[in-house]
Amino acid sequence: MLRLEHDDEWAELNGNFLLPVHDELICEVPIENAEKGAEVLSKCMCAAGDFLPFKLTTDVETTFRWYGLSVEDVSEFDRPDSLDYDSMTESNIAWIQCMLIENEYLMPVYKNPDGSKPKGIKAKGVNGILSDELRAAVEDYKKRYNLQTDQQFLDHIEAKVTRGVLLTFTK
């Protein structure tokens, strides 16, 4: 923790150490510094054991929130241009599912074609399948934040998830 707090590169990335949890450090960096921040965090944690007769290794997981979806998983999907459900791709629907899950909405989880339980992010409801639950969650989100248009929804939820910013819109 001390190595991280005194690391000049960490400071340049605007990294913040938030909380130790057992053998984990919970930290935050601006999204544009996520990859480099993960490298610096790993470097500092491994260096903390440089007195040991063996090298330490670390696993760094980059998420939008503690125990949320990984930034890598979310970034593989495409943001839709609109909420025209008829023209959306599976990737567009999965992007909306990711954004909603990051805002504590539950999405339906469907078994695999062979009847087995899904794994990874599919087990959390990111499957690219348009459902009534997704439509209802979008409408609930729009109502909760008083968003009048589909574009406002897309802009607002993306900013909230990726930057922690709530956008305001005037009528």
N, C-alpha and C. Protein backbone atom coordinates (compact mmCIF):
# COMPACT_ATOMS: atom_id res chain seq x y z
N MET A 1 0.84 -1.19 0.00
CA MET A 1 0.00 0.00 0.00
C MET A 1 0.88 1.25 0.00
N LEU A 2 1.95 1.21 0.79
CA LEU A 2 2.85 2.37 0.85
C LEU A 2 3.57 2.58 -0.47
N ARG A 3 4.03 1.48 -1.08
CA ARG A 3 4.71 1.61 -2.38
C ARG A 3 3.77 2.26 -3.41
N LEU A 4 2.53 1.83 -3.40
CA LEU A 4 1.56 2.36 -4.35
C LEU A 4 1.31 3.84 -4.08
N GLU A 5 1.09 4.19 -2.84
CA GLU A 5 0.80 5.59 -2.47
C GLU A 5 1.96 6.53 -2.76
N HIS A 6 3.18 6.00 -2.80
CA HIS A 6 4.36 6.84 -3.04
C HIS A 6 4.90 6.69 -4.46
N ASP A 7 4.19 6.01 -5.32
CA ASP A 7 4.63 5.79 -6.69
C ASP A 7 4.25 7.00 -7.56
N ASP A 8 5.26 7.62 -8.16
CA ASP A 8 5.02 8.81 -8.99
C ASP A 8 4.15 8.51 -10.21
N GLU A 9 4.37 7.35 -10.82
CA GLU A 9 3.58 6.99 -11.99
C GLU A 9 2.11 6.82 -11.62
N TRP A 10 1.85 6.22 -10.45
CA TRP A 10 0.48 6.05 -9.96
C TRP A 10 -0.18 7.42 -9.77
N ALA A 11 0.57 8.35 -9.22
CA ALA A 11 0.05 9.71 -9.01
C ALA A 11 -0.26 10.39 -10.35
N GLU A 12 0.61 10.20 -11.33
CA GLU A 12 0.39 10.80 -12.66
C GLU A 12 -0.87 10.24 -13.33
N LEU A 13 -1.20 9.00 -13.00
CA LEU A 13 -2.39 8.37 -13.57
C LEU A 13 -3.66 8.75 -12.82
N ASN A 14 -3.52 9.58 -11.79
CA ASN A 14 -4.63 9.95 -10.91
C ASN A 14 -5.24 8.73 -10.23
N GLY A 15 -4.36 7.79 -9.85
CA GLY A 15 -4.81 6.60 -9.16
C GLY A 15 -5.12 6.90 -7.70
N ASN A 16 -6.13 6.23 -7.19
CA ASN A 16 -6.51 6.36 -5.78
C ASN A 16 -6.60 4.98 -5.16
N PHE A 17 -5.94 4.81 -4.04
CA PHE A 17 -6.07 3.59 -3.26
C PHE A 17 -7.28 3.79 -2.37
N LEU A 18 -8.23 2.85 -2.43
CA LEU A 18 -9.47 3.01 -1.68
C LEU A 18 -9.53 2.16 -0.42
N LEU A 19 -9.18 0.86 -0.55
CA LEU A 19 -9.48 -0.04 0.54
C LEU A 19 -8.70 -1.34 0.41
N PRO A 20 -8.12 -1.83 1.51
CA PRO A 20 -7.57 -3.19 1.47
C PRO A 20 -8.65 -4.17 1.92
N VAL A 21 -8.75 -5.29 1.23
CA VAL A 21 -9.69 -6.35 1.61
C VAL A 21 -8.90 -7.66 1.58
N HIS A 22 -8.57 -8.17 2.77
CA HIS A 22 -7.76 -9.39 2.90
C HIS A 22 -6.46 -9.21 2.12
N ASP A 23 -6.28 -9.96 1.05
CA ASP A 23 -5.05 -9.85 0.26
C ASP A 23 -5.27 -9.06 -1.03
N GLU A 24 -6.29 -8.24 -1.05
CA GLU A 24 -6.61 -7.44 -2.23
C GLU A 24 -6.47 -5.96 -1.91
N LEU A 25 -6.18 -5.18 -2.94
CA LEU A 25 -6.25 -3.72 -2.83
C LEU A 25 -7.31 -3.25 -3.80
N ILE A 26 -8.23 -2.48 -3.32
CA ILE A 26 -9.27 -1.90 -4.18
C ILE A 26 -8.81 -0.48 -4.50
N CYS A 27 -8.67 -0.20 -5.78
CA CYS A 27 -8.16 1.09 -6.22
C CYS A 27 -9.04 1.60 -7.35
N GLU A 28 -8.85 2.87 -7.70
CA GLU A 28 -9.56 3.42 -8.85
C GLU A 28 -8.63 4.32 -9.64
N VAL A 29 -8.84 4.32 -10.94
CA VAL A 29 -8.16 5.22 -11.86
C VAL A 29 -9.17 5.66 -12.91
N PRO A 30 -8.95 6.80 -13.53
CA PRO A 30 -9.84 7.17 -14.64
C PRO A 30 -9.82 6.08 -15.72
N ILE A 31 -10.94 5.87 -16.38
CA ILE A 31 -11.08 4.78 -17.34
C ILE A 31 -10.00 4.82 -18.41
N GLU A 32 -9.59 6.00 -18.83
CA GLU A 32 -8.57 6.08 -19.87
C GLU A 32 -7.19 5.62 -19.37
N ASN A 33 -7.03 5.49 -18.06
CA ASN A 33 -5.77 5.03 -17.48
C ASN A 33 -5.87 3.61 -16.93
N ALA A 34 -6.93 2.91 -17.25
CA ALA A 34 -7.19 1.60 -16.64
C ALA A 34 -6.07 0.60 -16.91
N GLU A 35 -5.65 0.48 -18.15
CA GLU A 35 -4.63 -0.51 -18.50
C GLU A 35 -3.29 -0.19 -17.82
N LYS A 36 -2.87 1.04 -17.92
CA LYS A 36 -1.60 1.44 -17.29
C LYS A 36 -1.71 1.37 -15.77
N GLY A 37 -2.85 1.74 -15.23
CA GLY A 37 -3.07 1.66 -13.79
C GLY A 37 -2.94 0.24 -13.28
N ALA A 38 -3.47 -0.71 -14.03
CA ALA A 38 -3.36 -2.12 -13.65
C ALA A 38 -1.90 -2.56 -13.63
N GLU A 39 -1.12 -2.09 -14.61
CA GLU A 39 0.31 -2.43 -14.66
C GLU A 39 1.05 -1.87 -13.45
N VAL A 40 0.79 -0.62 -13.12
CA VAL A 40 1.48 0.02 -11.99
C VAL A 40 1.07 -0.64 -10.68
N LEU A 41 -0.20 -0.94 -10.53
CA LEU A 41 -0.69 -1.61 -9.33
C LEU A 41 0.01 -2.97 -9.16
N SER A 42 0.07 -3.74 -10.22
CA SER A 42 0.73 -5.04 -10.17
C SER A 42 2.21 -4.89 -9.83
N LYS A 43 2.87 -3.94 -10.46
CA LYS A 43 4.29 -3.69 -10.22
C LYS A 43 4.54 -3.38 -8.74
N CYS A 44 3.74 -2.50 -8.18
CA CYS A 44 3.91 -2.11 -6.77
C CYS A 44 3.62 -3.27 -5.81
N MET A 45 2.58 -4.04 -6.11
CA MET A 45 2.25 -5.16 -5.23
C MET A 45 3.33 -6.23 -5.27
N CYS A 46 3.85 -6.52 -6.45
CA CYS A 46 4.92 -7.52 -6.57
C CYS A 46 6.21 -7.04 -5.91
N ALA A 47 6.50 -5.76 -6.04
CA ALA A 47 7.72 -5.20 -5.46
C ALA A 47 7.67 -5.23 -3.93
N ALA A 48 6.48 -5.28 -3.36
CA ALA A 48 6.37 -5.31 -1.90
C ALA A 48 6.99 -6.58 -1.31
N GLY A 49 7.13 -7.61 -2.12
CA GLY A 49 7.74 -8.85 -1.63
C GLY A 49 9.13 -9.07 -2.19
N ASP A 50 9.82 -8.01 -2.60
CA ASP A 50 11.13 -8.17 -3.23
C ASP A 50 12.20 -8.74 -2.29
N PHE A 51 11.94 -8.81 -1.00
CA PHE A 51 12.87 -9.38 -0.04
C PHE A 51 12.75 -10.90 0.05
N LEU A 52 11.69 -11.45 -0.54
CA LEU A 52 11.45 -12.89 -0.47
C LEU A 52 12.37 -13.64 -1.45
N PRO A 53 12.65 -14.91 -1.19
CA PRO A 53 13.53 -15.68 -2.07
C PRO A 53 12.85 -16.14 -3.37
N PHE A 54 11.64 -15.71 -3.60
CA PHE A 54 10.91 -16.04 -4.81
C PHE A 54 10.15 -14.80 -5.27
N LYS A 55 9.77 -14.77 -6.52
CA LYS A 55 9.03 -13.62 -7.07
C LYS A 55 7.54 -13.77 -6.77
N LEU A 56 6.93 -12.66 -6.45
CA LEU A 56 5.48 -12.63 -6.27
C LEU A 56 4.81 -12.33 -7.61
N THR A 57 3.60 -12.82 -7.75
CA THR A 57 2.79 -12.47 -8.91
C THR A 57 1.44 -11.95 -8.40
N THR A 58 0.78 -11.19 -9.23
CA THR A 58 -0.54 -10.67 -8.87
C THR A 58 -1.48 -10.85 -10.04
N ASP A 59 -2.74 -10.91 -9.72
CA ASP A 59 -3.79 -10.89 -10.73
C ASP A 59 -4.53 -9.58 -10.52
N VAL A 60 -4.63 -8.78 -11.56
CA VAL A 60 -5.36 -7.52 -11.48
C VAL A 60 -6.60 -7.65 -12.34
N GLU A 61 -7.74 -7.38 -11.74
CA GLU A 61 -9.00 -7.39 -12.46
C GLU A 61 -9.49 -5.96 -12.57
N THR A 62 -9.81 -5.54 -13.77
CA THR A 62 -10.27 -4.18 -14.01
C THR A 62 -11.77 -4.21 -14.25
N THR A 63 -12.51 -3.58 -13.34
CA THR A 63 -13.96 -3.55 -13.43
C THR A 63 -14.44 -2.11 -13.24
N PHE A 64 -15.71 -1.88 -13.57
CA PHE A 64 -16.27 -0.56 -13.35
C PHE A 64 -16.64 -0.34 -11.89
N ARG A 65 -16.90 -1.44 -11.18
CA ARG A 65 -17.21 -1.37 -9.75
C ARG A 65 -16.79 -2.69 -9.14
N TRP A 66 -16.62 -2.71 -7.83
CA TRP A 66 -16.16 -3.91 -7.15
C TRP A 66 -17.11 -5.06 -7.46
N TYR A 67 -16.58 -6.14 -7.94
CA TYR A 67 -17.32 -7.33 -8.34
C TYR A 67 -18.29 -7.06 -9.49
N GLY A 68 -18.01 -6.05 -10.28
CA GLY A 68 -18.82 -5.79 -11.45
C GLY A 68 -18.28 -6.56 -12.65
N LEU A 69 -18.82 -6.28 -13.81
CA LEU A 69 -18.34 -6.88 -15.04
C LEU A 69 -16.97 -6.32 -15.37
N SER A 70 -16.13 -7.11 -16.00
CA SER A 70 -14.80 -6.62 -16.33
C SER A 70 -14.88 -5.61 -17.47
N VAL A 71 -13.97 -4.66 -17.44
CA VAL A 71 -13.92 -3.64 -18.49
C VAL A 71 -13.69 -4.32 -19.84
N GLU A 72 -12.86 -5.35 -19.87
CA GLU A 72 -12.60 -6.09 -21.11
C GLU A 72 -13.87 -6.70 -21.67
N ASP A 73 -14.66 -7.32 -20.81
CA ASP A 73 -15.90 -7.95 -21.27
C ASP A 73 -16.86 -6.91 -21.85
N VAL A 74 -17.04 -5.82 -21.14
CA VAL A 74 -17.98 -4.79 -21.59
C VAL A 74 -17.51 -4.15 -22.89
N SER A 75 -16.20 -3.93 -23.02
CA SER A 75 -15.69 -3.22 -24.20
C SER A 75 -15.76 -4.05 -25.48
N GLU A 76 -16.05 -5.34 -25.37
CA GLU A 76 -16.14 -6.14 -26.59
C GLU A 76 -17.49 -5.96 -27.31
N PHE A 77 -18.43 -5.28 -26.66
CA PHE A 77 -19.75 -5.08 -27.25
C PHE A 77 -19.88 -3.68 -27.82
N ASP A 78 -20.76 -3.54 -28.80
CA ASP A 78 -20.95 -2.27 -29.51
C ASP A 78 -22.15 -1.51 -28.96
N ARG A 79 -21.90 -0.24 -28.66
CA ARG A 79 -23.00 0.64 -28.23
C ARG A 79 -23.94 0.84 -29.40
N PRO A 80 -25.24 0.70 -29.16
CA PRO A 80 -26.19 0.93 -30.26
C PRO A 80 -26.29 2.43 -30.57
N ASP A 81 -26.68 2.73 -31.80
CA ASP A 81 -26.88 4.12 -32.20
C ASP A 81 -28.23 4.63 -31.71
N SER A 82 -29.16 3.71 -31.50
CA SER A 82 -30.50 4.08 -31.05
C SER A 82 -31.09 2.90 -30.28
N LEU A 83 -32.29 3.10 -29.75
CA LEU A 83 -32.99 2.01 -29.08
C LEU A 83 -34.03 1.37 -29.99
N ASP A 84 -33.77 1.39 -31.28
CA ASP A 84 -34.63 0.70 -32.23
C ASP A 84 -34.32 -0.79 -32.13
N TYR A 85 -35.08 -1.48 -31.29
CA TYR A 85 -34.79 -2.88 -30.99
C TYR A 85 -34.78 -3.76 -32.24
N ASP A 86 -35.58 -3.40 -33.24
CA ASP A 86 -35.65 -4.22 -34.45
C ASP A 86 -34.35 -4.18 -35.27
N SER A 87 -33.58 -3.11 -35.12
CA SER A 87 -32.35 -3.02 -35.90
C SER A 87 -31.09 -3.31 -35.08
N MET A 88 -31.26 -3.68 -33.83
CA MET A 88 -30.09 -3.94 -32.97
C MET A 88 -29.48 -5.31 -33.26
N THR A 89 -28.17 -5.34 -33.12
CA THR A 89 -27.44 -6.60 -33.21
C THR A 89 -27.37 -7.23 -31.82
N GLU A 90 -26.95 -8.49 -31.75
CA GLU A 90 -26.74 -9.13 -30.45
C GLU A 90 -25.73 -8.34 -29.62
N SER A 91 -24.71 -7.80 -30.30
CA SER A 91 -23.68 -7.02 -29.61
C SER A 91 -24.28 -5.75 -28.99
N ASN A 92 -25.20 -5.09 -29.70
CA ASN A 92 -25.87 -3.90 -29.18
C ASN A 92 -26.70 -4.24 -27.95
N ILE A 93 -27.43 -5.34 -28.03
CA ILE A 93 -28.27 -5.76 -26.90
C ILE A 93 -27.39 -6.13 -25.71
N ALA A 94 -26.29 -6.83 -25.97
CA ALA A 94 -25.37 -7.21 -24.88
C ALA A 94 -24.77 -5.96 -24.22
N TRP A 95 -24.50 -4.91 -25.01
CA TRP A 95 -23.97 -3.67 -24.44
C TRP A 95 -24.99 -3.07 -23.47
N ILE A 96 -26.25 -3.03 -23.88
CA ILE A 96 -27.30 -2.50 -22.99
C ILE A 96 -27.42 -3.37 -21.75
N GLN A 97 -27.37 -4.68 -21.92
CA GLN A 97 -27.43 -5.57 -20.76
C GLN A 97 -26.29 -5.28 -19.80
N CYS A 98 -25.07 -5.09 -20.31
CA CYS A 98 -23.92 -4.76 -19.46
C CYS A 98 -24.18 -3.47 -18.69
N MET A 99 -24.65 -2.45 -19.38
CA MET A 99 -24.89 -1.16 -18.72
C MET A 99 -25.94 -1.29 -17.62
N LEU A 100 -26.99 -2.05 -17.91
CA LEU A 100 -28.05 -2.23 -16.91
C LEU A 100 -27.57 -3.06 -15.72
N ILE A 101 -26.82 -4.11 -15.98
CA ILE A 101 -26.28 -4.93 -14.90
C ILE A 101 -25.37 -4.10 -14.00
N GLU A 102 -24.58 -3.24 -14.59
CA GLU A 102 -23.71 -2.37 -13.80
C GLU A 102 -24.51 -1.38 -12.95
N ASN A 103 -25.77 -1.21 -13.28
CA ASN A 103 -26.67 -0.35 -12.50
C ASN A 103 -27.62 -1.17 -11.63
N GLU A 104 -27.23 -2.41 -11.35
CA GLU A 104 -27.95 -3.29 -10.42
C GLU A 104 -29.27 -3.84 -10.95
N TYR A 105 -29.48 -3.80 -12.25
CA TYR A 105 -30.66 -4.45 -12.82
C TYR A 105 -30.33 -5.92 -13.07
N LEU A 106 -31.30 -6.78 -12.87
CA LEU A 106 -31.13 -8.20 -13.14
C LEU A 106 -31.64 -8.51 -14.54
N MET A 107 -30.83 -9.21 -15.30
CA MET A 107 -31.22 -9.64 -16.63
C MET A 107 -31.45 -11.15 -16.59
N PRO A 108 -32.37 -11.65 -17.41
CA PRO A 108 -32.63 -13.10 -17.40
C PRO A 108 -31.42 -13.89 -17.89
N VAL A 109 -31.22 -15.03 -17.26
CA VAL A 109 -30.14 -15.95 -17.63
C VAL A 109 -30.79 -17.16 -18.28
N TYR A 110 -30.34 -17.48 -19.48
CA TYR A 110 -30.90 -18.61 -20.23
C TYR A 110 -29.89 -19.74 -20.29
N LYS A 111 -30.39 -20.96 -20.22
CA LYS A 111 -29.51 -22.12 -20.35
C LYS A 111 -28.93 -22.18 -21.76
N ASN A 112 -27.79 -22.83 -21.88
CA ASN A 112 -27.17 -23.05 -23.18
C ASN A 112 -28.04 -24.00 -24.00
N PRO A 113 -27.84 -24.02 -25.32
CA PRO A 113 -28.65 -24.91 -26.17
C PRO A 113 -28.61 -26.38 -25.72
N ASP A 114 -27.51 -26.80 -25.12
CA ASP A 114 -27.41 -28.19 -24.65
C ASP A 114 -28.03 -28.40 -23.27
N GLY A 115 -28.64 -27.34 -22.70
CA GLY A 115 -29.30 -27.44 -21.41
C GLY A 115 -28.41 -27.13 -20.22
N SER A 116 -27.12 -26.90 -20.45
CA SER A 116 -26.20 -26.61 -19.35
C SER A 116 -26.31 -25.15 -18.91
N LYS A 117 -25.81 -24.90 -17.72
CA LYS A 117 -25.81 -23.53 -17.20
C LYS A 117 -24.74 -22.71 -17.91
N PRO A 118 -25.05 -21.45 -18.21
CA PRO A 118 -24.04 -20.60 -18.86
C PRO A 118 -22.92 -20.25 -17.88
N LYS A 119 -21.79 -19.88 -18.44
CA LYS A 119 -20.63 -19.47 -17.64
C LYS A 119 -20.22 -18.07 -18.06
N GLY A 120 -19.32 -17.49 -17.25
CA GLY A 120 -18.81 -16.16 -17.56
C GLY A 120 -19.90 -15.11 -17.47
N ILE A 121 -19.84 -14.14 -18.37
CA ILE A 121 -20.81 -13.05 -18.29
C ILE A 121 -22.21 -13.49 -18.71
N LYS A 122 -22.30 -14.58 -19.46
CA LYS A 122 -23.64 -15.10 -19.79
C LYS A 122 -24.38 -15.54 -18.53
N ALA A 123 -23.63 -15.97 -17.53
CA ALA A 123 -24.24 -16.39 -16.26
C ALA A 123 -24.78 -15.19 -15.49
N LYS A 124 -24.41 -13.99 -15.90
CA LYS A 124 -24.91 -12.77 -15.27
C LYS A 124 -26.03 -12.13 -16.08
N GLY A 125 -26.34 -12.71 -17.24
CA GLY A 125 -27.43 -12.19 -18.05
C GLY A 125 -26.99 -11.41 -19.28
N VAL A 126 -25.71 -11.42 -19.59
CA VAL A 126 -25.23 -10.75 -20.81
C VAL A 126 -25.18 -11.81 -21.90
N ASN A 127 -26.25 -11.84 -22.71
CA ASN A 127 -26.38 -12.90 -23.71
C ASN A 127 -26.82 -12.40 -25.08
N GLY A 128 -27.07 -11.10 -25.20
CA GLY A 128 -27.48 -10.55 -26.48
C GLY A 128 -28.89 -10.91 -26.90
N ILE A 129 -29.68 -11.40 -25.96
CA ILE A 129 -31.06 -11.79 -26.26
C ILE A 129 -32.01 -10.69 -25.79
N LEU A 130 -32.81 -10.17 -26.70
CA LEU A 130 -33.79 -9.15 -26.36
C LEU A 130 -34.91 -9.79 -25.55
N SER A 131 -35.22 -9.19 -24.41
CA SER A 131 -36.26 -9.75 -23.53
C SER A 131 -37.18 -8.65 -23.04
N ASP A 132 -38.33 -9.06 -22.53
CA ASP A 132 -39.24 -8.10 -21.92
C ASP A 132 -38.59 -7.45 -20.69
N GLU A 133 -37.77 -8.22 -19.96
CA GLU A 133 -37.08 -7.68 -18.79
C GLU A 133 -36.12 -6.56 -19.17
N LEU A 134 -35.43 -6.71 -20.30
CA LEU A 134 -34.52 -5.66 -20.76
C LEU A 134 -35.32 -4.40 -21.10
N ARG A 135 -36.37 -4.56 -21.85
CA ARG A 135 -37.20 -3.41 -22.23
C ARG A 135 -37.74 -2.70 -20.99
N ALA A 136 -38.21 -3.48 -20.01
CA ALA A 136 -38.75 -2.90 -18.77
C ALA A 136 -37.66 -2.19 -17.98
N ALA A 137 -36.48 -2.75 -17.95
CA ALA A 137 -35.37 -2.12 -17.23
C ALA A 137 -34.97 -0.80 -17.88
N VAL A 138 -34.96 -0.77 -19.21
CA VAL A 138 -34.65 0.48 -19.92
C VAL A 138 -35.68 1.55 -19.57
N GLU A 139 -36.94 1.18 -19.60
CA GLU A 139 -38.00 2.15 -19.29
C GLU A 139 -37.92 2.60 -17.82
N ASP A 140 -37.62 1.68 -16.92
CA ASP A 140 -37.47 2.04 -15.52
C ASP A 140 -36.31 3.01 -15.32
N TYR A 141 -35.20 2.74 -15.99
CA TYR A 141 -34.02 3.61 -15.88
C TYR A 141 -34.35 5.01 -16.40
N LYS A 142 -35.01 5.06 -17.56
CA LYS A 142 -35.38 6.35 -18.13
C LYS A 142 -36.29 7.13 -17.18
N LYS A 143 -37.24 6.44 -16.58
CA LYS A 143 -38.16 7.09 -15.64
C LYS A 143 -37.43 7.55 -14.39
N ARG A 144 -36.55 6.70 -13.86
CA ARG A 144 -35.79 7.01 -12.63
C ARG A 144 -34.98 8.29 -12.79
N TYR A 145 -34.38 8.47 -13.96
CA TYR A 145 -33.52 9.63 -14.19
C TYR A 145 -34.19 10.71 -15.04
N ASN A 146 -35.49 10.56 -15.26
CA ASN A 146 -36.26 11.54 -16.01
C ASN A 146 -35.65 11.81 -17.39
N LEU A 147 -35.36 10.75 -18.10
CA LEU A 147 -34.77 10.85 -19.43
C LEU A 147 -35.90 10.77 -20.45
N GLN A 148 -35.95 11.74 -21.33
CA GLN A 148 -37.06 11.85 -22.26
C GLN A 148 -36.84 11.09 -23.57
N THR A 149 -35.60 10.94 -23.98
CA THR A 149 -35.34 10.32 -25.28
C THR A 149 -34.44 9.09 -25.13
N ASP A 150 -34.47 8.28 -26.17
CA ASP A 150 -33.61 7.11 -26.19
C ASP A 150 -32.14 7.51 -26.19
N GLN A 151 -31.81 8.57 -26.91
CA GLN A 151 -30.42 9.04 -26.96
C GLN A 151 -29.95 9.50 -25.58
N GLN A 152 -30.83 10.17 -24.84
CA GLN A 152 -30.48 10.56 -23.48
C GLN A 152 -30.20 9.33 -22.62
N PHE A 153 -31.01 8.28 -22.80
CA PHE A 153 -30.76 7.04 -22.06
C PHE A 153 -29.37 6.50 -22.37
N LEU A 154 -29.04 6.38 -23.65
CA LEU A 154 -27.74 5.81 -24.05
C LEU A 154 -26.58 6.64 -23.51
N ASP A 155 -26.68 7.96 -23.64
CA ASP A 155 -25.61 8.84 -23.15
C ASP A 155 -25.48 8.78 -21.63
N HIS A 156 -26.62 8.82 -20.96
CA HIS A 156 -26.63 8.86 -19.49
C HIS A 156 -26.07 7.57 -18.90
N ILE A 157 -26.56 6.43 -19.36
CA ILE A 157 -26.12 5.17 -18.76
C ILE A 157 -24.66 4.89 -19.06
N GLU A 158 -24.20 5.27 -20.23
CA GLU A 158 -22.78 5.07 -20.56
C GLU A 158 -21.90 5.94 -19.67
N ALA A 159 -22.27 7.20 -19.50
CA ALA A 159 -21.48 8.10 -18.64
C ALA A 159 -21.50 7.63 -17.20
N LYS A 160 -22.64 7.16 -16.74
CA LYS A 160 -22.75 6.70 -15.35
C LYS A 160 -21.87 5.48 -15.10
N VAL A 161 -21.87 4.54 -16.03
CA VAL A 161 -21.09 3.32 -15.85
C VAL A 161 -19.60 3.57 -16.05
N THR A 162 -19.24 4.22 -17.14
CA THR A 162 -17.82 4.32 -17.49
C THR A 162 -17.08 5.44 -16.78
N ARG A 163 -17.80 6.48 -16.36
CA ARG A 163 -17.12 7.61 -15.72
C ARG A 163 -17.71 7.97 -14.36
N GLY A 164 -18.78 7.31 -13.97
CA GLY A 164 -19.41 7.62 -12.69
C GLY A 164 -20.07 8.98 -12.67
N VAL A 165 -20.43 9.46 -13.85
CA VAL A 165 -20.99 10.80 -14.00
C VAL A 165 -22.47 10.70 -14.33
N LEU A 166 -23.28 11.50 -13.66
CA LEU A 166 -24.70 11.59 -14.02
C LEU A 166 -24.89 12.81 -14.89
N LEU A 167 -25.35 12.60 -16.10
CA LEU A 167 -25.63 13.71 -17.00
C LEU A 167 -27.00 14.27 -16.71
N THR A 168 -27.17 15.56 -16.88
CA THR A 168 -28.48 16.18 -16.74
C THR A 168 -28.89 16.75 -18.08
N PHE A 169 -30.17 16.69 -18.35
CA PHE A 169 -30.72 17.16 -19.61
C PHE A 169 -31.84 18.14 -19.31
N THR A 170 -31.94 19.15 -20.13
CA THR A 170 -33.05 20.10 -19.96
C THR A 170 -34.06 19.84 -21.07
N LYS A 171 -35.29 20.20 -20.75
CA LYS A 171 -36.38 19.98 -21.74
C LYS A 171 -36.36 21.04 -22.78
